[in-house]
Protein backbone atom coordinates (compact mmCIF):
# COMPACT_ATOMS: atom_id res chain seq x y z
CA UNK A 1 -134.65 73.83 -1.83
CA UNK A 2 -130.96 74.34 -2.47
CA UNK A 3 -129.05 77.23 -3.95
CA UNK A 4 -127.03 76.68 -7.14
CA UNK A 5 -123.43 75.52 -6.82
CA UNK A 6 -120.78 73.61 -8.82
CA UNK A 7 -120.05 69.88 -9.51
CA UNK A 8 -120.14 67.19 -12.19
CA UNK A 9 -122.29 64.12 -12.94
CA UNK A 10 -124.26 62.33 -15.61
CA UNK A 11 -127.86 61.21 -16.10
CA UNK A 12 -129.60 58.44 -17.99
CA UNK A 13 -129.35 58.44 -21.77
CA UNK A 14 -131.90 57.33 -24.31
CA UNK A 15 -134.83 58.68 -26.28
CA UNK A 16 -137.43 58.81 -23.50
CA UNK A 17 -135.22 60.14 -20.69
CA UNK A 18 -131.86 61.71 -21.44
CA UNK A 19 -129.35 64.41 -20.62
CA UNK A 20 -129.82 67.83 -22.17
CA UNK A 21 -127.69 70.94 -22.51
CA UNK A 22 -127.77 74.52 -23.72
CA UNK A 23 -126.66 73.30 -27.15
CA UNK A 24 -129.41 70.68 -27.48
CA UNK A 25 -132.24 72.46 -25.64
CA UNK A 26 -133.88 73.76 -28.81
CA UNK A 27 -133.98 70.31 -30.39
CA UNK A 28 -134.65 68.25 -27.24
CA UNK A 29 -137.28 70.51 -25.69
CA UNK A 30 -138.64 73.28 -27.90
CA UNK A 31 -138.88 71.27 -31.12
CA UNK A 32 -139.64 67.91 -29.49
CA UNK A 33 -142.49 69.38 -27.43
CA UNK A 34 -144.35 70.37 -30.60
CA UNK A 35 -145.59 66.78 -30.74
CA UNK A 36 -144.96 65.27 -27.29
CA UNK A 37 -144.92 67.09 -23.93
CA UNK A 38 -141.43 67.37 -22.44
CA UNK A 39 -140.58 67.60 -18.73
CA UNK A 40 -137.29 69.33 -17.93
CA UNK A 41 -135.61 68.49 -14.62
CA UNK A 42 -133.00 71.01 -13.44
CA UNK A 43 -130.73 69.19 -10.99
CA UNK A 44 -127.16 68.97 -9.65
CA UNK A 45 -125.13 66.04 -8.30
CA UNK A 46 -124.71 67.69 -4.90
CA UNK A 47 -128.46 68.25 -4.47
CA UNK A 48 -129.86 65.81 -1.90
CA UNK A 49 -133.57 66.19 -2.82
CA UNK A 50 -132.68 65.73 -6.50
CA UNK A 51 -131.41 62.22 -5.77
CA UNK A 52 -134.87 61.19 -4.61
CA UNK A 53 -137.08 63.24 -6.89
CA UNK A 54 -135.14 62.59 -10.11
CA UNK A 55 -135.66 58.79 -10.05
CA UNK A 56 -139.30 59.26 -9.04
CA UNK A 57 -139.83 61.55 -12.04
CA UNK A 58 -138.12 59.03 -14.31
CA UNK A 59 -140.34 56.23 -13.05
CA UNK A 60 -143.48 58.28 -13.66
CA UNK A 61 -142.33 59.27 -17.15
CA UNK A 62 -141.52 55.64 -17.97
CA UNK A 63 -144.95 54.52 -16.81
CA UNK A 64 -146.52 57.06 -19.17
CA UNK A 65 -145.38 54.81 -22.03
CA UNK A 66 -143.99 57.45 -24.38
CA UNK A 67 -146.75 60.06 -23.92
CA UNK A 68 -144.25 62.39 -22.29
CA UNK A 69 -140.46 62.75 -22.43
CA UNK A 70 -137.94 63.97 -19.90
CA UNK A 71 -134.75 65.99 -20.26
CA UNK A 72 -132.30 66.30 -17.36
CA UNK A 73 -130.31 69.52 -17.16
CA UNK A 74 -127.27 69.67 -14.88
CA UNK A 75 -127.31 73.29 -13.71
CA UNK A 76 -123.58 73.27 -12.95
CA UNK A 77 -122.83 72.54 -16.59
CA UNK A 78 -125.59 74.76 -18.03
CA UNK A 79 -125.68 77.88 -15.85
CA UNK A 80 -126.64 80.22 -18.71
CA UNK A 81 -129.69 78.13 -19.52
CA UNK A 82 -130.66 77.96 -15.86
CA UNK A 83 -130.34 81.72 -15.67
CA UNK A 84 -132.48 82.29 -18.76
CA UNK A 85 -135.28 80.23 -17.20
CA UNK A 86 -134.76 81.95 -13.82
CA UNK A 87 -133.88 78.75 -12.01
CA UNK A 88 -132.80 80.04 -8.61
CA UNK A 89 -132.95 76.82 -6.61
CA UNK A 90 -133.19 73.10 -7.26
CA UNK A 91 -134.83 70.82 -7.88
CA UNK A 92 -136.85 72.84 -10.38
CA UNK A 93 -139.08 71.11 -12.92
CA UNK A 94 -140.59 72.68 -16.05
CA UNK A 95 -143.09 71.19 -18.49
CA UNK A 96 -143.10 72.25 -22.15
CA UNK A 97 -145.74 71.65 -24.80
CA UNK A 98 -145.91 73.04 -28.32
CA UNK A 99 -142.65 74.86 -27.70
CA UNK A 100 -143.79 76.80 -24.64
CA UNK A 101 -143.54 76.29 -20.85
CA UNK A 102 -146.95 75.24 -19.56
CA UNK A 103 -146.30 74.29 -15.94
CA UNK A 104 -143.54 74.13 -13.32
CA UNK A 105 -142.74 73.49 -9.68
CA UNK A 106 -139.78 73.90 -7.34
CA UNK A 107 -138.53 71.79 -4.46
CA UNK A 108 -139.06 68.15 -3.54
CA UNK A 109 -142.67 66.93 -3.61
CA UNK A 110 -144.24 63.59 -2.59
CA UNK A 111 -144.32 60.74 -5.16
CA UNK A 112 -148.11 61.03 -5.49
CA UNK A 113 -147.77 64.67 -6.59
CA UNK A 114 -145.00 63.76 -9.02
CA UNK A 115 -147.20 61.08 -10.57
CA UNK A 116 -150.13 63.49 -10.82
CA UNK A 117 -147.93 66.15 -12.43
CA UNK A 118 -146.55 63.75 -15.05
CA UNK A 119 -150.02 62.39 -15.82
CA UNK A 120 -151.39 65.91 -16.27
CA UNK A 121 -148.57 66.87 -18.62
CA UNK A 122 -148.82 63.61 -20.59
CA UNK A 123 -152.55 64.24 -21.10
CA UNK A 124 -151.74 67.49 -22.92
CA UNK A 125 -150.50 65.45 -25.86
CA UNK A 126 -153.80 63.61 -26.30
CA UNK A 127 -154.72 59.97 -25.93
CA UNK A 128 -153.19 58.44 -29.07
CA UNK A 129 -151.11 55.88 -27.19
CA UNK A 130 -153.76 54.83 -24.71
CA UNK A 131 -154.31 51.55 -26.53
CA UNK A 132 -150.78 50.41 -25.72
CA UNK A 133 -150.93 51.95 -22.26
CA UNK A 134 -154.13 50.05 -21.52
CA UNK A 135 -152.56 46.83 -22.80
CA UNK A 136 -149.51 47.33 -20.57
CA UNK A 137 -151.78 48.00 -17.59
CA UNK A 138 -153.75 44.84 -18.36
CA UNK A 139 -150.58 42.77 -18.66
CA UNK A 140 -149.28 44.17 -15.37
CA UNK A 141 -152.56 43.27 -13.70
CA UNK A 142 -152.23 39.70 -15.00
CA UNK A 143 -148.71 39.60 -13.60
CA UNK A 144 -149.87 40.86 -10.21
CA UNK A 145 -152.54 38.14 -10.14
CA UNK A 146 -150.03 35.39 -10.94
CA UNK A 147 -151.17 34.86 -14.54
CA UNK A 148 -147.58 34.95 -15.74
CA UNK A 149 -147.97 33.14 -19.07
CA UNK A 150 -150.86 35.39 -20.14
CA UNK A 151 -148.93 38.48 -19.04
CA UNK A 152 -145.87 37.35 -21.02
CA UNK A 153 -147.95 36.85 -24.16
CA UNK A 154 -149.51 40.29 -23.78
CA UNK A 155 -146.17 42.02 -23.20
CA UNK A 156 -144.73 40.21 -26.24
CA UNK A 157 -147.68 41.33 -28.38
CA UNK A 158 -147.14 44.95 -27.29
CA UNK A 159 -143.47 44.71 -28.23
CA UNK A 160 -144.52 43.40 -31.62
CA UNK A 161 -146.11 46.79 -32.24
CA UNK A 162 -143.72 48.94 -30.22
CA UNK A 163 -140.34 47.15 -29.83
CA UNK A 164 -138.91 49.98 -27.71
CA UNK A 165 -141.78 50.24 -25.22
CA UNK A 166 -139.81 50.24 -21.93
CA UNK A 167 -142.61 49.11 -19.61
CA UNK A 168 -143.55 46.21 -21.90
CA UNK A 169 -139.93 45.15 -22.33
CA UNK A 170 -139.28 45.23 -18.59
CA UNK A 171 -142.53 43.37 -17.98
CA UNK A 172 -141.62 40.58 -20.38
CA UNK A 173 -138.21 40.16 -18.76
CA UNK A 174 -139.83 40.02 -15.34
CA UNK A 175 -142.23 37.31 -16.55
CA UNK A 176 -139.34 35.12 -17.62
CA UNK A 177 -137.64 35.67 -14.28
CA UNK A 178 -140.78 34.65 -12.41
CA UNK A 179 -141.04 31.55 -14.60
CA UNK A 180 -137.48 30.62 -13.61
CA UNK A 181 -136.23 31.28 -17.16
CA UNK A 182 -133.26 33.37 -16.11
CA UNK A 183 -131.21 32.64 -19.24
CA UNK A 184 -134.06 33.80 -21.48
CA UNK A 185 -134.39 36.99 -19.43
CA UNK A 186 -130.66 37.68 -19.70
CA UNK A 187 -130.73 37.05 -23.45
CA UNK A 188 -133.57 39.55 -23.83
CA UNK A 189 -131.61 42.14 -21.86
CA UNK A 190 -128.58 41.62 -24.09
CA UNK A 191 -130.75 42.75 -27.01
CA UNK A 192 -132.58 45.62 -25.36
CA UNK A 193 -133.12 48.53 -27.82
CA UNK A 194 -130.45 51.18 -27.32
CA UNK A 195 -132.95 53.98 -26.80
CA UNK A 196 -134.38 52.36 -23.66
CA UNK A 197 -131.24 50.64 -22.35
CA UNK A 198 -130.86 53.21 -19.57
CA UNK A 199 -134.53 53.45 -18.71
CA UNK A 200 -134.97 53.08 -14.95
CA UNK A 201 -137.42 50.21 -15.34
CA UNK A 202 -135.01 48.33 -17.60
CA UNK A 203 -132.11 48.92 -15.23
CA UNK A 204 -134.18 47.65 -12.30
CA UNK A 205 -135.21 44.43 -14.05
CA UNK A 206 -131.61 43.94 -15.24
CA UNK A 207 -130.49 44.08 -11.62
CA UNK A 208 -133.17 41.51 -10.79
CA UNK A 209 -131.92 39.24 -13.58
CA UNK A 210 -128.32 39.53 -12.41
CA UNK A 211 -129.37 38.63 -8.88
CA UNK A 212 -131.44 35.70 -10.12
CA UNK A 213 -128.47 34.40 -12.12
CA UNK A 214 -126.27 34.54 -9.04
CA UNK A 215 -128.95 32.94 -6.87
CA UNK A 216 -129.25 29.78 -8.97
CA UNK A 217 -126.26 28.08 -7.40
CA UNK A 218 -126.56 29.59 -3.96
CA UNK A 219 -127.49 26.29 -2.29
CA UNK A 220 -130.22 25.18 0.08
CA UNK A 221 -131.03 27.61 2.87
CA UNK A 222 -131.11 24.89 5.56
CA UNK A 223 -127.61 23.73 4.68
CA UNK A 224 -126.32 27.28 4.62
CA UNK A 225 -127.91 28.11 7.97
CA UNK A 226 -126.23 25.01 9.41
CA UNK A 227 -122.87 26.31 8.18
CA UNK A 228 -123.50 29.61 9.92
CA UNK A 229 -124.51 27.87 13.12
CA UNK A 230 -121.12 26.14 13.02
CA UNK A 231 -119.24 29.35 12.20
CA UNK A 232 -121.01 32.68 12.38
CA UNK A 233 -118.07 34.34 10.62
CA UNK A 234 -118.41 32.18 7.51
CA UNK A 235 -119.08 35.16 5.27
CA UNK A 236 -119.31 33.10 2.09
CA UNK A 237 -122.05 30.96 3.61
CA UNK A 238 -123.91 34.11 4.69
CA UNK A 239 -123.54 35.61 1.21
CA UNK A 240 -124.82 32.38 -0.38
CA UNK A 241 -127.70 32.39 2.09
CA UNK A 242 -128.58 35.96 1.09
CA UNK A 243 -128.65 34.96 -2.59
CA UNK A 244 -130.77 31.91 -1.80
CA UNK A 245 -133.20 34.10 0.15
CA UNK A 246 -133.42 36.46 -2.81
CA UNK A 247 -134.23 33.54 -5.06
CA UNK A 248 -136.99 32.54 -2.63
CA UNK A 249 -138.44 36.05 -2.64
CA UNK A 250 -137.37 36.83 0.94
CA UNK A 251 -135.83 40.17 0.04
CA UNK A 252 -135.86 41.73 3.50
CA UNK A 253 -134.12 38.73 5.05
CA UNK A 254 -131.56 38.74 2.23
CA UNK A 255 -130.78 42.41 2.83
CA UNK A 256 -130.37 41.74 6.56
CA UNK A 257 -127.90 38.94 5.81
CA UNK A 258 -125.85 41.19 3.53
CA UNK A 259 -125.90 43.99 6.09
CA UNK A 260 -124.63 41.54 8.70
CA UNK A 261 -121.65 40.64 6.50
CA UNK A 262 -120.93 44.35 6.04
CA UNK A 263 -121.18 44.93 9.79
CA UNK A 264 -118.73 42.14 10.54
CA UNK A 265 -116.22 42.82 7.77
CA UNK A 266 -117.05 45.52 5.23
CA UNK A 267 -113.91 44.84 3.19
CA UNK A 268 -114.44 41.08 2.87
CA UNK A 269 -114.08 39.80 -0.70
CA UNK A 270 -113.49 43.30 -2.09
CA UNK A 271 -116.65 44.64 -0.46
CA UNK A 272 -118.89 41.93 -1.91
CA UNK A 273 -121.69 42.56 0.59
CA UNK A 274 -121.93 46.26 -0.29
CA UNK A 275 -121.84 45.48 -4.01
CA UNK A 276 -124.70 43.00 -3.68
CA UNK A 277 -126.68 45.39 -1.53
CA UNK A 278 -126.53 48.08 -4.21
CA UNK A 279 -127.70 45.54 -6.79
CA UNK A 280 -130.66 44.62 -4.60
CA UNK A 281 -131.53 48.27 -4.00
CA UNK A 282 -131.35 48.97 -7.74
CA UNK A 283 -133.60 46.01 -8.50
CA UNK A 284 -136.24 47.25 -6.05
CA UNK A 285 -136.24 50.85 -7.24
CA UNK A 286 -135.75 54.10 -5.31
CA UNK A 287 -139.26 54.29 -3.85
CA UNK A 288 -139.47 50.73 -2.49
CA UNK A 289 -139.82 50.84 1.34
CA UNK A 290 -137.62 47.75 1.84
CA UNK A 291 -134.87 49.35 -0.24
CA UNK A 292 -135.21 52.66 1.59
CA UNK A 293 -134.91 50.95 4.97
CA UNK A 294 -131.90 48.95 3.79
CA UNK A 295 -130.19 52.07 2.46
CA UNK A 296 -130.70 53.86 5.79
CA UNK A 297 -129.22 50.92 7.71
CA UNK A 298 -126.24 50.72 5.35
CA UNK A 299 -125.63 54.48 5.61
CA UNK A 300 -125.70 54.33 9.40
CA UNK A 301 -123.06 51.59 9.32
CA UNK A 302 -120.88 53.42 6.81
CA UNK A 303 -120.84 56.65 8.80
CA UNK A 304 -120.85 55.08 12.28
């Protein structure tokens, strides 16, 4: 755990997960928790563990499908509030229900414990939304089994009842991407409801859509490999190869190709390799092992 200090940053906005403050705490937490449990994450931009635990909390809250909300409190900007709740180190997480704190923990914890905590808090509000949650789970299972058309129809039906359901919206976009309908996916994302536009699941699938759009014209991998055999410093060919590999689902190989560009010339094309790497990492999510490995490799190159 880390002691409180000073800095500045921002957090996701929206109805499900958003920034809070001393001025809005009564409305966002005390009043809102009368109906729906609210998790409050006290964090700071300089806090290393917060950078891992915050996104994991957001993912778990998103997966709960609206049965729990999350408010992020920057302790540097809200020191009086942190003091009133006796927040002495961060990350510190509180859960409120019916206007009162009902649970809390301090320090970084494993993703499994975060998921269990969010599930427990969401269950305090009852099971009213389980019908939609079950439908989303069923659609996701279809998607995992390759039944993409059926999954798309189920996600669309869920959105017919709950147009701002983040997991269903992200799932439908992902279906179109898997079907090769990148333009349809991008059009959907252009019309994403404002209250879920900054949801972590939506941001991840948006990154996937952007990568898919760039991968369309990347060229055949064999031709691109031949170009690299002729000139290993042909960075454009290596970048195109990375995008082609992404389009083929070879994410690890694509990351390696981008890292190789960065190793050879990190400033090439205004840092294009680093930019694409961040897009890939965002599309995979903070807990993905391939993304975590890629981030570590990139960090070691940056600070070498």
